Amino acid sequence: MARSIHVPKIRNPFAKGPETPDEDFVDIFEEMTLSEHLEELRSRVWKTCISIGAAFFIGLLLAKPALELVKQTANVEKFDVNDATEPITDFFKIAMYIAVAIALPVIFYQLFSFIAPGLTRKEKRLVYGSLPFVVILFLMGASFAFFFAIPRAFAFLSTFMSDTFDYSPQAGSIYSFYLQVALGMGAAFELPILMFLLARLGIVSPKRMAASRRYAAVMVLIAAALITPTPDPFNMLFVAAPIYLLFEFGLIFARIGYRRHNRPETPLIDTV
C-alpha cells in the first residue's frame, strides 16, 4: 500500500477564478514498509478494542431490557435453551452486540483512517465527509429492522398455521434472525451514500444508474432474499420495498454528486 503526500502547487498567474483547497496540492505516493503497515494496523485495532471494551459496560446495563424487548417481539413467554450455560452466554452476547453498536462510529472511523494513507486529498475529503452519513444510515437501517421489520416478521411467523405447529423457537435462532436482518438492513441503507460517492468520483454516471432500474429491481429482490431468513414473500417484500426506495433516493444524491464532479476546475501549473 502507498501513502499519499500532499505537495503544494504553483498557481498559474494567468488563470482566472477562485482557488479551491484540492487544486492547491498535488498528490505524490510513496510505498509504506511492512512494519509501518503492521504498526498502523495494530494501532487501529487497539483503539477499536478499547472503544468496544468501554461500551461493553453500557451493554451490560442494557442487555436485560433488550432481551425483554426481543422476547416480546418474538411472541414467546421465555427463551427455550438447550444448554445450562446458554442463558449467561446469551446475556453476554447481547451485551457485546450492544457494545459494538455503540462503538460503531469509532469502528468506522478507524477503518477509514487505516485506508486513508492510500487516498488522494480529494478522496480523503469525500471519505471523511461521508463518514457521519455512513454511520447514521447504518443505524437507521438497523433500527428499521429492529423496530419495524422484525416485529412484523415475528407477528406473521408466530401465527402461521398455529393450529398445526407449536411455535417455540430456540433462543439461538431468534438471536440469529435479529442479527442477520439488522446487519443486512444496516448495510442496505448505505446504498444512497454509495451511489453518491460513485457519481462524485465519476465512476458511474446517474444516467447509467437510472438506465439499470430493471437490473436494480432484480438485485433488490435477491438482497431481500439473503437478508430475510424466511422464504415467505410477505417478509421479503417488506424488506425489498424500502431497499428499492433507497435506490431511487440514491439516484437523487448521485445527480448532486455528479454535478459537483463535472464542475470546471481552475487550471494550475504543477511543480516538478
C-alpha atoms as a PDB file:
ATOM      1  CA  MET A   1       0.000   0.000   0.000  1.00  0.00           C
ATOM      2  CA  ALA A   2       1.193   3.506  -0.783  1.00  0.00           C
ATOM      3  CA  ARG A   3       0.987   6.602   1.387  1.00  0.00           C
ATOM      4  CA  SER A   4      -0.037   9.914  -0.191  1.00  0.00           C
ATOM      5  CA  ILE A   5       1.868  13.153   0.455  1.00  0.00           C
ATOM      6  CA  HIS A   6       0.286  16.494  -0.439  1.00  0.00           C
ATOM      7  CA  VAL A   7       2.760  18.845  -2.144  1.00  0.00           C
ATOM      8  CA  PRO A   8       1.734  22.478  -2.829  1.00  0.00           C
ATOM      9  CA  LYS A   9       1.203  23.577  -6.417  1.00  0.00           C
ATOM     10  CA  ILE A  10       2.125  26.873  -8.024  1.00  0.00           C
ATOM     11  CA  ARG A  11      -0.917  28.676  -9.322  1.00  0.00           C
ATOM     12  CA  ASN A  12      -0.974  29.873 -12.915  1.00  0.00           C
ATOM     13  CA  PRO A  13      -0.817  33.715 -12.712  1.00  0.00           C
ATOM     14  CA  PHE A  14      -2.886  33.993 -15.911  1.00  0.00           C
ATOM     15  CA  ALA A  15      -5.688  31.719 -14.630  1.00  0.00           C
ATOM     16  CA  LYS A  16      -8.955  33.231 -13.510  1.00  0.00           C
ATOM     17  CA  GLY A  17     -11.411  32.028 -10.921  1.00  0.00           C
ATOM     18  CA  PRO A  18     -11.293  31.222  -7.223  1.00  0.00           C
ATOM     19  CA  GLU A  19      -8.847  28.759  -5.767  1.00  0.00           C
ATOM     20  CA  THR A  20     -10.036  25.577  -4.060  1.00  0.00           C
ATOM     21  CA  PRO A  21      -8.148  23.512  -1.446  1.00  0.00           C
ATOM     22  CA  ASP A  22      -7.879  20.462  -3.719  1.00  0.00           C
ATOM     23  CA  GLU A  23      -6.395  22.486  -6.578  1.00  0.00           C
ATOM     24  CA  ASP A  24      -3.570  23.899  -4.445  1.00  0.00           C
ATOM     25  CA  PHE A  25      -1.954  20.478  -3.872  1.00  0.00           C
ATOM     26  CA  VAL A  26      -0.630  17.594  -5.932  1.00  0.00           C
ATOM     27  CA  ASP A  27      -0.662  14.045  -4.506  1.00  0.00           C
ATOM     28  CA  ILE A  28       2.595  12.079  -4.521  1.00  0.00           C
ATOM     29  CA  PHE A  29       2.512   8.449  -3.352  1.00  0.00           C
ATOM     30  CA  GLU A  30       5.336   6.644  -1.577  1.00  0.00           C
ATOM     31  CA  GLU A  31       5.403   2.993  -0.542  1.00  0.00           C
ATOM     32  CA  MET A  32       4.944   2.079   3.124  1.00  0.00           C
ATOM     33  CA  THR A  33       7.104  -0.632   4.670  1.00  0.00           C
ATOM     34  CA  LEU A  34       5.645  -3.811   6.126  1.00  0.00           C
ATOM     35  CA  SER A  35       6.493  -2.681   9.660  1.00  0.00           C
ATOM     36  CA  GLU A  36       4.640   0.601   9.069  1.00  0.00           C
ATOM     37  CA  HIS A  37       1.618  -1.332   7.834  1.00  0.00           C
ATOM     38  CA  LEU A  38       1.628  -3.593  10.887  1.00  0.00           C
ATOM     39  CA  GLU A  39       2.146  -0.703  13.288  1.00  0.00           C
ATOM     40  CA  GLU A  40      -0.742   1.212  11.724  1.00  0.00           C
ATOM     41  CA  LEU A  41      -2.969  -1.882  11.862  1.00  0.00           C
ATOM     42  CA  ARG A  42      -2.031  -2.576  15.493  1.00  0.00           C
ATOM     43  CA  SER A  43      -2.839   0.999  16.474  1.00  0.00           C
ATOM     44  CA  ARG A  44      -6.250   0.931  14.767  1.00  0.00           C
ATOM     45  CA  VAL A  45      -7.200  -2.478  16.180  1.00  0.00           C
ATOM     46  CA  TRP A  46      -6.106  -1.449  19.674  1.00  0.00           C
ATOM     47  CA  LYS A  47      -8.182   1.742  19.607  1.00  0.00           C
ATOM     48  CA  THR A  48     -11.186  -0.199  18.294  1.00  0.00           C
ATOM     49  CA  CYS A  49     -10.898  -2.793  21.074  1.00  0.00           C
ATOM     50  CA  ILE A  50     -10.678  -0.062  23.713  1.00  0.00           C
ATOM     51  CA  SER A  51     -13.824   1.617  22.408  1.00  0.00           C
ATOM     52  CA  ILE A  52     -15.749  -1.689  22.342  1.00  0.00           C
ATOM     53  CA  GLY A  53     -14.474  -2.586  25.820  1.00  0.00           C
ATOM     54  CA  ALA A  54     -15.653   0.739  27.238  1.00  0.00           C
ATOM     55  CA  ALA A  55     -19.048   0.378  25.527  1.00  0.00           C
ATOM     56  CA  PHE A  56     -19.373  -3.182  26.882  1.00  0.00           C
ATOM     57  CA  PHE A  57     -20.121  -1.855  30.380  1.00  0.00           C
ATOM     58  CA  ILE A  58     -23.070   0.087  28.947  1.00  0.00           C
ATOM     59  CA  GLY A  59     -24.097  -3.068  27.091  1.00  0.00           C
ATOM     60  CA  LEU A  60     -24.268  -4.977  30.383  1.00  0.00           C
ATOM     61  CA  LEU A  61     -26.791  -2.442  31.687  1.00  0.00           C
ATOM     62  CA  LEU A  62     -28.903  -2.565  28.544  1.00  0.00           C
ATOM     63  CA  ALA A  63     -28.748  -6.320  27.910  1.00  0.00           C
ATOM     64  CA  LYS A  64     -31.699  -7.298  30.116  1.00  0.00           C
ATOM     65  CA  PRO A  65     -34.087  -4.614  28.711  1.00  0.00           C
ATOM     66  CA  ALA A  66     -33.004  -5.637  25.210  1.00  0.00           C
ATOM     67  CA  LEU A  67     -33.732  -9.302  25.963  1.00  0.00           C
ATOM     68  CA  GLU A  68     -37.172  -8.369  27.280  1.00  0.00           C
ATOM     69  CA  LEU A  69     -37.888  -6.408  24.122  1.00  0.00           C
ATOM     70  CA  VAL A  70     -36.723  -9.274  21.915  1.00  0.00           C
ATOM     71  CA  LYS A  71     -38.841 -11.721  23.906  1.00  0.00           C
ATOM     72  CA  GLN A  72     -41.965  -9.605  23.464  1.00  0.00           C
ATOM     73  CA  THR A  73     -41.253  -9.079  19.779  1.00  0.00           C
ATOM     74  CA  ALA A  74     -40.736 -12.799  19.146  1.00  0.00           C
ATOM     75  CA  ASN A  75     -44.075 -13.598  20.903  1.00  0.00           C
ATOM     76  CA  VAL A  76     -42.529 -16.094  23.333  1.00  0.00           C
ATOM     77  CA  GLU A  77     -43.030 -16.303  27.094  1.00  0.00           C
ATOM     78  CA  LYS A  78     -39.460 -17.453  27.785  1.00  0.00           C
ATOM     79  CA  PHE A  79     -36.458 -18.293  25.653  1.00  0.00           C
ATOM     80  CA  ASP A  80     -36.049 -22.008  25.006  1.00  0.00           C
ATOM     81  CA  VAL A  81     -32.450 -23.136  25.636  1.00  0.00           C
ATOM     82  CA  ASN A  82     -30.628 -26.431  25.178  1.00  0.00           C
ATOM     83  CA  ASP A  83     -27.569 -25.861  27.353  1.00  0.00           C
ATOM     84  CA  ALA A  84     -27.216 -24.996  31.055  1.00  0.00           C
ATOM     85  CA  THR A  85     -24.687 -22.274  30.267  1.00  0.00           C
ATOM     86  CA  GLU A  86     -26.697 -20.788  27.405  1.00  0.00           C
ATOM     87  CA  PRO A  87     -28.570 -18.122  29.453  1.00  0.00           C
ATOM     88  CA  ILE A  88     -25.432 -16.418  30.783  1.00  0.00           C
ATOM     89  CA  THR A  89     -23.662 -16.863  27.429  1.00  0.00           C
ATOM     90  CA  ASP A  90     -26.563 -15.257  25.596  1.00  0.00           C
ATOM     91  CA  PHE A  91     -26.684 -12.414  28.125  1.00  0.00           C
ATOM     92  CA  PHE A  92     -23.059 -11.516  27.451  1.00  0.00           C
ATOM     93  CA  LYS A  93     -23.583 -11.946  23.696  1.00  0.00           C
ATOM     94  CA  ILE A  94     -26.381  -9.384  23.754  1.00  0.00           C
ATOM     95  CA  ALA A  95     -24.197  -7.026  25.807  1.00  0.00           C
ATOM     96  CA  MET A  96     -21.420  -7.391  23.236  1.00  0.00           C
ATOM     97  CA  TYR A  97     -23.799  -6.716  20.330  1.00  0.00           C
ATOM     98  CA  ILE A  98     -24.953  -3.534  22.063  1.00  0.00           C
ATOM     99  CA  ALA A  99     -21.342  -2.524  22.714  1.00  0.00           C
ATOM    100  CA  VAL A 100     -20.445  -2.936  19.035  1.00  0.00           C
ATOM    101  CA  ALA A 101     -23.474  -0.832  18.043  1.00  0.00           C
ATOM    102  CA  ILE A 102     -22.442   1.934  20.459  1.00  0.00           C
ATOM    103  CA  ALA A 103     -18.827   1.848  19.276  1.00  0.00           C
ATOM    104  CA  LEU A 104     -19.848   1.806  15.615  1.00  0.00           C
ATOM    105  CA  PRO A 105     -18.771   5.417  14.868  1.00  0.00           C
ATOM    106  CA  VAL A 106     -15.288   4.686  16.242  1.00  0.00           C
ATOM    107  CA  ILE A 107     -15.098   1.409  14.297  1.00  0.00           C
ATOM    108  CA  PHE A 108     -15.958   3.127  11.005  1.00  0.00           C
ATOM    109  CA  TYR A 109     -13.528   5.954  11.749  1.00  0.00           C
ATOM    110  CA  GLN A 110     -10.643   3.571  12.464  1.00  0.00           C
ATOM    111  CA  LEU A 111     -11.427   1.583   9.321  1.00  0.00           C
ATOM    112  CA  PHE A 112     -11.418   4.666   7.113  1.00  0.00           C
ATOM    113  CA  SER A 113      -8.312   6.023   8.844  1.00  0.00           C
ATOM    114  CA  PHE A 114      -6.471   2.789   8.041  1.00  0.00           C
ATOM    115  CA  ILE A 115      -7.113   3.126   4.308  1.00  0.00           C
ATOM    116  CA  ALA A 116      -6.756   6.938   4.267  1.00  0.00           C
ATOM    117  CA  PRO A 117      -2.964   6.999   3.611  1.00  0.00           C
ATOM    118  CA  GLY A 118      -3.590   5.485   0.175  1.00  0.00           C
ATOM    119  CA  LEU A 119      -6.152   8.115  -0.831  1.00  0.00           C
ATOM    120  CA  THR A 120      -5.664  11.445  -2.553  1.00  0.00           C
ATOM    121  CA  ARG A 121      -6.550  14.694  -0.806  1.00  0.00           C
ATOM    122  CA  LYS A 122      -9.858  14.905  -2.685  1.00  0.00           C
ATOM    123  CA  GLU A 123     -10.736  11.284  -1.875  1.00  0.00           C
ATOM    124  CA  LYS A 124      -9.930  11.835   1.799  1.00  0.00           C
ATOM    125  CA  ARG A 125     -12.265  14.816   1.946  1.00  0.00           C
ATOM    126  CA  LEU A 126     -15.032  12.734   0.360  1.00  0.00           C
ATOM    127  CA  VAL A 127     -14.464   9.744   2.647  1.00  0.00           C
ATOM    128  CA  TYR A 128     -14.308  11.707   5.896  1.00  0.00           C
ATOM    129  CA  GLY A 129     -17.168  13.952   4.801  1.00  0.00           C
ATOM    130  CA  SER A 130     -19.352  10.914   4.146  1.00  0.00           C
ATOM    131  CA  LEU A 131     -18.379   9.118   7.379  1.00  0.00           C
ATOM    132  CA  PRO A 132     -21.179  10.645   9.538  1.00  0.00           C
ATOM    133  CA  PHE A 133     -23.745   9.705   6.879  1.00  0.00           C
ATOM    134  CA  VAL A 134     -22.367   6.160   6.714  1.00  0.00           C
ATOM    135  CA  VAL A 135     -22.871   5.729  10.468  1.00  0.00           C
ATOM    136  CA  ILE A 136     -26.289   7.417  10.507  1.00  0.00           C
ATOM    137  CA  LEU A 137     -27.620   5.402   7.572  1.00  0.00           C
ATOM    138  CA  PHE A 138     -26.354   2.127   9.047  1.00  0.00           C
ATOM    139  CA  LEU A 139     -28.035   2.865  12.376  1.00  0.00           C
ATOM    140  CA  MET A 140     -31.227   3.893  10.567  1.00  0.00           C
ATOM    141  CA  GLY A 141     -31.258   0.588   8.690  1.00  0.00           C
ATOM    142  CA  ALA A 142     -30.599  -1.456  11.824  1.00  0.00           C
ATOM    143  CA  SER A 143     -33.290   0.498  13.707  1.00  0.00           C
ATOM    144  CA  PHE A 144     -35.774  -0.038  10.881  1.00  0.00           C
ATOM    145  CA  ALA A 145     -35.102  -3.770  11.092  1.00  0.00           C
ATOM    146  CA  PHE A 146     -35.248  -3.894  14.896  1.00  0.00           C
ATOM    147  CA  PHE A 147     -38.368  -1.820  15.466  1.00  0.00           C
ATOM    148  CA  PHE A 148     -40.413  -2.376  12.274  1.00  0.00           C
ATOM    149  CA  ALA A 149     -39.348  -5.235  10.011  1.00  0.00           C
ATOM    150  CA  ILE A 150     -38.515  -7.897  12.613  1.00  0.00           C
ATOM    151  CA  PRO A 151     -41.610  -7.371  14.852  1.00  0.00           C
ATOM    152  CA  ARG A 152     -43.876  -7.727  11.812  1.00  0.00           C
ATOM    153  CA  ALA A 153     -41.964 -10.796  10.678  1.00  0.00           C
ATOM    154  CA  PHE A 154     -42.399 -12.492  14.060  1.00  0.00           C
ATOM    155  CA  ALA A 155     -46.064 -11.477  14.210  1.00  0.00           C
ATOM    156  CA  PHE A 156     -46.556 -13.310  10.923  1.00  0.00           C
ATOM    157  CA  LEU A 157     -44.394 -16.323  11.802  1.00  0.00           C
ATOM    158  CA  SER A 158     -45.868 -16.865  15.272  1.00  0.00           C
ATOM    159  CA  THR A 159     -49.420 -17.064  13.910  1.00  0.00           C
ATOM    160  CA  PHE A 160     -48.717 -19.013  10.716  1.00  0.00           C
ATOM    161  CA  MET A 161     -50.708 -22.301  10.943  1.00  0.00           C
ATOM    162  CA  SER A 162     -50.788 -22.008  14.724  1.00  0.00           C
ATOM    163  CA  ASP A 163     -53.350 -24.827  14.885  1.00  0.00           C
ATOM    164  CA  THR A 164     -50.790 -27.202  13.326  1.00  0.00           C
ATOM    165  CA  PHE A 165     -47.390 -26.086  14.629  1.00  0.00           C
ATOM    166  CA  ASP A 166     -46.235 -25.435  18.196  1.00  0.00           C
ATOM    167  CA  TYR A 167     -44.415 -22.114  17.986  1.00  0.00           C
ATOM    168  CA  SER A 168     -41.455 -22.358  20.390  1.00  0.00           C
ATOM    169  CA  PRO A 169     -38.268 -21.217  18.612  1.00  0.00           C
ATOM    170  CA  GLN A 170     -34.851 -21.712  20.160  1.00  0.00           C
ATOM    171  CA  ALA A 171     -33.135 -18.663  21.636  1.00  0.00           C
ATOM    172  CA  GLY A 172     -30.235 -19.013  19.225  1.00  0.00           C
ATOM    173  CA  SER A 173     -32.490 -18.920  16.167  1.00  0.00           C
ATOM    174  CA  ILE A 174     -34.179 -15.737  17.438  1.00  0.00           C
ATOM    175  CA  TYR A 175     -30.824 -14.008  18.004  1.00  0.00           C
ATOM    176  CA  SER A 176     -29.599 -15.105  14.570  1.00  0.00           C
ATOM    177  CA  PHE A 177     -32.784 -13.741  12.989  1.00  0.00           C
ATOM    178  CA  TYR A 178     -32.275 -10.366  14.655  1.00  0.00           C
ATOM    179  CA  LEU A 179     -28.601 -10.207  13.797  1.00  0.00           C
ATOM    180  CA  GLN A 180     -28.990 -11.223  10.160  1.00  0.00           C
ATOM    181  CA  VAL A 181     -31.853  -8.844   9.386  1.00  0.00           C
ATOM    182  CA  ALA A 182     -30.418  -5.896  11.376  1.00  0.00           C
ATOM    183  CA  LEU A 183     -26.960  -6.159   9.784  1.00  0.00           C
ATOM    184  CA  GLY A 184     -28.442  -6.732   6.345  1.00  0.00           C
ATOM    185  CA  MET A 185     -30.736  -3.713   6.531  1.00  0.00           C
ATOM    186  CA  GLY A 186     -27.951  -1.592   8.006  1.00  0.00           C
ATOM    187  CA  ALA A 187     -25.760  -2.450   5.021  1.00  0.00           C
ATOM    188  CA  ALA A 188     -28.639  -1.918   2.552  1.00  0.00           C
ATOM    189  CA  PHE A 189     -29.270   1.589   3.903  1.00  0.00           C
ATOM    190  CA  GLU A 190     -25.738   2.534   2.778  1.00  0.00           C
ATOM    191  CA  LEU A 191     -26.916   2.408  -0.854  1.00  0.00           C
ATOM    192  CA  PRO A 192     -27.605   6.177  -1.264  1.00  0.00           C
ATOM    193  CA  ILE A 193     -24.204   7.249   0.044  1.00  0.00           C
ATOM    194  CA  LEU A 194     -22.505   4.578  -2.095  1.00  0.00           C
ATOM    195  CA  MET A 195     -24.279   5.842  -5.218  1.00  0.00           C
ATOM    196  CA  PHE A 196     -23.335   9.419  -4.320  1.00  0.00           C
ATOM    197  CA  LEU A 197     -19.648   8.533  -3.984  1.00  0.00           C
ATOM    198  CA  LEU A 198     -19.610   6.570  -7.250  1.00  0.00           C
ATOM    199  CA  ALA A 199     -21.106   9.548  -9.082  1.00  0.00           C
ATOM    200  CA  ARG A 200     -18.986  12.113  -7.205  1.00  0.00           C
ATOM    201  CA  LEU A 201     -15.802  10.312  -8.235  1.00  0.00           C
ATOM    202  CA  GLY A 202     -17.058   9.953 -11.814  1.00  0.00           C
ATOM    203  CA  ILE A 203     -17.015   6.135 -11.726  1.00  0.00           C
ATOM    204  CA  VAL A 204     -20.689   5.680 -12.703  1.00  0.00           C
ATOM    205  CA  SER A 205     -22.981   8.383 -14.054  1.00  0.00           C
ATOM    206  CA  PRO A 206     -26.533   8.872 -12.702  1.00  0.00           C
ATOM    207  CA  LYS A 207     -27.882   8.329 -16.228  1.00  0.00           C
ATOM    208  CA  ARG A 208     -26.316   4.882 -16.324  1.00  0.00           C
ATOM    209  CA  MET A 209     -27.644   4.106 -12.849  1.00  0.00           C
ATOM    210  CA  ALA A 210     -31.158   5.135 -13.848  1.00  0.00           C
ATOM    211  CA  ALA A 211     -30.929   3.005 -17.008  1.00  0.00           C
ATOM    212  CA  SER A 212     -30.272  -0.075 -14.854  1.00  0.00           C
ATOM    213  CA  ARG A 213     -33.536   0.115 -12.892  1.00  0.00           C
ATOM    214  CA  ARG A 214     -34.700  -3.295 -14.102  1.00  0.00           C
ATOM    215  CA  TYR A 215     -31.464  -4.922 -13.010  1.00  0.00           C
ATOM    216  CA  ALA A 216     -31.593  -2.989  -9.744  1.00  0.00           C
ATOM    217  CA  ALA A 217     -35.076  -4.371  -9.022  1.00  0.00           C
ATOM    218  CA  VAL A 218     -33.794  -7.925  -9.514  1.00  0.00           C
ATOM    219  CA  MET A 219     -30.779  -7.259  -7.289  1.00  0.00           C
ATOM    220  CA  VAL A 220     -33.070  -5.775  -4.623  1.00  0.00           C
ATOM    221  CA  LEU A 221     -35.178  -8.950  -4.599  1.00  0.00           C
ATOM    222  CA  ILE A 222     -32.041 -11.079  -4.315  1.00  0.00           C
ATOM    223  CA  ALA A 223     -30.754  -8.905  -1.457  1.00  0.00           C
ATOM    224  CA  ALA A 224     -34.121  -9.156   0.326  1.00  0.00           C
ATOM    225  CA  ALA A 225     -33.999 -12.952  -0.008  1.00  0.00           C
ATOM    226  CA  LEU A 226     -30.494 -13.005   1.510  1.00  0.00           C
ATOM    227  CA  ILE A 227     -31.365 -10.601   4.331  1.00  0.00           C
ATOM    228  CA  THR A 228     -34.622 -12.331   5.280  1.00  0.00           C
ATOM    229  CA  PRO A 229     -34.069 -15.831   6.736  1.00  0.00           C
ATOM    230  CA  THR A 230     -37.644 -16.882   5.907  1.00  0.00           C
ATOM    231  CA  PRO A 231     -38.763 -17.939   2.408  1.00  0.00           C
ATOM    232  CA  ASP A 232     -42.207 -16.312   2.590  1.00  0.00           C
ATOM    233  CA  PRO A 233     -42.934 -13.442   0.154  1.00  0.00           C
ATOM    234  CA  PHE A 234     -44.520 -11.282   2.901  1.00  0.00           C
ATOM    235  CA  ASN A 235     -41.274 -10.678   4.770  1.00  0.00           C
ATOM    236  CA  MET A 236     -39.209 -10.492   1.587  1.00  0.00           C
ATOM    237  CA  LEU A 237     -41.391  -7.725   0.146  1.00  0.00           C
ATOM    238  CA  PHE A 238     -41.381  -5.869   3.468  1.00  0.00           C
ATOM    239  CA  VAL A 239     -37.587  -5.755   3.214  1.00  0.00           C
ATOM    240  CA  ALA A 240     -37.366  -5.238  -0.572  1.00  0.00           C
ATOM    241  CA  ALA A 241     -39.698  -2.212  -0.723  1.00  0.00           C
ATOM    242  CA  PRO A 242     -37.543   0.154   1.418  1.00  0.00           C
ATOM    243  CA  ILE A 243     -34.347  -1.005  -0.330  1.00  0.00           C
ATOM    244  CA  TYR A 244     -35.777  -0.084  -3.726  1.00  0.00           C
ATOM    245  CA  LEU A 245     -36.897   3.296  -2.356  1.00  0.00           C
ATOM    246  CA  LEU A 246     -33.310   3.800  -1.182  1.00  0.00           C
ATOM    247  CA  PHE A 247     -32.164   3.156  -4.754  1.00  0.00           C
ATOM    248  CA  GLU A 248     -34.480   5.908  -6.021  1.00  0.00           C
ATOM    249  CA  PHE A 249     -33.224   8.298  -3.326  1.00  0.00           C
ATOM    250  CA  GLY A 250     -29.696   7.299  -4.265  1.00  0.00           C
ATOM    251  CA  LEU A 251     -30.327   8.498  -7.834  1.00  0.00           C
ATOM    252  CA  ILE A 252     -31.110  11.962  -6.458  1.00  0.00           C
ATOM    253  CA  PHE A 253     -27.898  12.022  -4.431  1.00  0.00           C
ATOM    254  CA  ALA A 254     -25.953  10.665  -7.420  1.00  0.00           C
ATOM    255  CA  ARG A 255     -27.143  13.556  -9.605  1.00  0.00           C
ATOM    256  CA  ILE A 256     -25.983  16.020  -6.947  1.00  0.00           C
ATOM    257  CA  GLY A 257     -22.591  14.331  -6.698  1.00  0.00           C
ATOM    258  CA  TYR A 258     -22.171  14.101 -10.474  1.00  0.00           C
ATOM    259  CA  ARG A 259     -22.869  17.817 -10.935  1.00  0.00           C
ATOM    260  CA  ARG A 260     -20.123  18.594  -8.413  1.00  0.00           C
ATOM    261  CA  HIS A 261     -17.785  16.179 -10.199  1.00  0.00           C
ATOM    262  CA  ASN A 262     -18.310  17.997 -13.501  1.00  0.00           C
ATOM    263  CA  ARG A 263     -17.655  21.488 -12.129  1.00  0.00           C
ATOM    264  CA  PRO A 264     -14.922  23.262 -14.120  1.00  0.00           C
ATOM    265  CA  GLU A 265     -11.585  23.404 -12.317  1.00  0.00           C
ATOM    266  CA  THR A 266      -9.079  26.244 -12.236  1.00  0.00           C
ATOM    267  CA  PRO A 267      -6.019  25.457 -14.404  1.00  0.00           C
ATOM    268  CA  LEU A 268      -2.792  25.249 -12.440  1.00  0.00           C
ATOM    269  CA  ILE A 269       0.897  24.713 -13.154  1.00  0.00           C
ATOM    270  CA  ASP A 270       2.288  21.642 -11.382  1.00  0.00           C
ATOM    271  CA  THR A 271       5.594  21.796  -9.636  1.00  0.00           C
ATOM    272  CA  VAL A 272       8.284  19.470 -10.942  1.00  0.00           C
END
